[in-house]
């Protein structure tokens, strides 16, 4: 069973409560998404570590309920 956009957003919001999150369903099937996540949790981390945090937030659902997730992660710009 595919993961809904709301469920994906809920997992991300739980892990990154301060984040700006934008999600796009790439195929219209609830199985292929693109997510842009900007969170202070990513500050000082390289992309690999940032993406590992996102996958951990999905609690093992990546590769099962969620087939593909293109990620764009970043820390907020300091200004």
Protein backbone atom coordinates (compact mmCIF):
# COMPACT_ATOMS: atom_id res chain seq x y z
CA UNK A 1 0.00 0.00 0.00
CA UNK A 2 1.50 3.36 -1.02
CA UNK A 3 2.22 6.14 1.46
CA UNK A 4 0.01 9.21 1.25
CA UNK A 5 1.52 12.67 0.99
CA UNK A 6 -0.08 13.50 4.35
CA UNK A 7 1.54 10.48 6.00
CA UNK A 8 4.93 11.37 4.52
CA UNK A 9 4.56 14.96 5.71
CA UNK A 10 3.54 13.73 9.17
CA UNK A 11 6.69 11.59 9.53
CA UNK A 12 8.86 14.48 8.39
CA UNK A 13 7.11 17.02 10.63
CA UNK A 14 7.51 14.72 13.65
CA UNK A 15 11.26 14.41 13.05
CA UNK A 16 11.84 18.02 11.94
CA UNK A 17 9.24 20.21 13.69
CA UNK A 18 10.93 23.47 12.68
CA UNK A 19 11.26 22.49 9.00
CA UNK A 20 9.96 24.07 5.86
CA UNK A 21 8.69 21.05 3.91
CA UNK A 22 7.60 20.93 0.27
CA UNK A 23 6.45 17.61 -1.18
CA UNK A 24 5.67 16.77 -4.79
CA UNK A 25 4.08 13.49 -5.95
CA UNK A 26 6.17 12.76 -9.05
CA UNK A 27 4.08 10.00 -10.60
CA UNK A 28 0.62 10.52 -9.08
CA UNK A 29 0.79 7.07 -7.52
CA UNK A 30 1.71 7.87 -3.90
CA UNK A 31 4.89 5.90 -4.37
CA UNK A 32 7.34 8.39 -5.93
CA UNK A 33 7.90 11.73 -4.22
CA UNK A 34 10.29 14.65 -4.20
CA UNK A 35 10.76 16.41 -0.87
CA UNK A 36 12.55 19.65 -0.06
CA UNK A 37 13.27 19.94 3.66
CA UNK A 38 14.95 22.94 5.26
CA UNK A 39 15.67 22.37 8.96
CA UNK A 40 18.10 23.50 11.62
CA UNK A 41 18.66 19.78 12.30
CA UNK A 42 20.80 19.70 9.16
CA UNK A 43 23.16 22.47 10.26
CA UNK A 44 26.79 21.41 9.92
CA UNK A 45 25.93 18.05 8.34
CA UNK A 46 26.89 16.92 4.86
CA UNK A 47 24.21 15.75 2.42
CA UNK A 48 24.73 12.08 3.23
CA UNK A 49 24.15 12.66 6.95
CA UNK A 50 21.14 14.89 6.22
CA UNK A 51 19.56 12.21 4.04
CA UNK A 52 20.28 9.54 6.66
CA UNK A 53 18.30 11.62 9.17
CA UNK A 54 15.37 11.75 6.74
CA UNK A 55 15.46 8.00 6.10
CA UNK A 56 15.56 7.38 9.87
CA UNK A 57 12.48 9.61 10.25
CA UNK A 58 10.62 7.34 7.82
CA UNK A 59 11.00 4.46 10.28
CA UNK A 60 11.81 1.69 7.78
CA UNK A 61 9.06 2.59 5.32
CA UNK A 62 11.53 3.55 2.58
CA UNK A 63 11.66 0.74 0.03
CA UNK A 64 8.34 -0.66 1.27
CA UNK A 65 5.39 1.72 1.45
CA UNK A 66 7.53 4.41 -0.15
CA UNK A 67 9.36 3.27 -3.27
CA UNK A 68 11.25 6.42 -4.28
CA UNK A 69 12.04 9.71 -2.58
CA UNK A 70 14.16 12.37 -4.25
CA UNK A 71 15.58 14.57 -1.49
CA UNK A 72 16.73 18.15 -1.39
CA UNK A 73 17.82 18.97 2.16
CA UNK A 74 19.42 22.08 3.63
CA UNK A 75 19.90 24.07 6.80
CA UNK A 76 18.31 27.54 6.88
CA UNK A 77 20.53 30.36 5.67
CA UNK A 78 21.95 32.47 8.45
CA UNK A 79 21.41 36.11 7.82
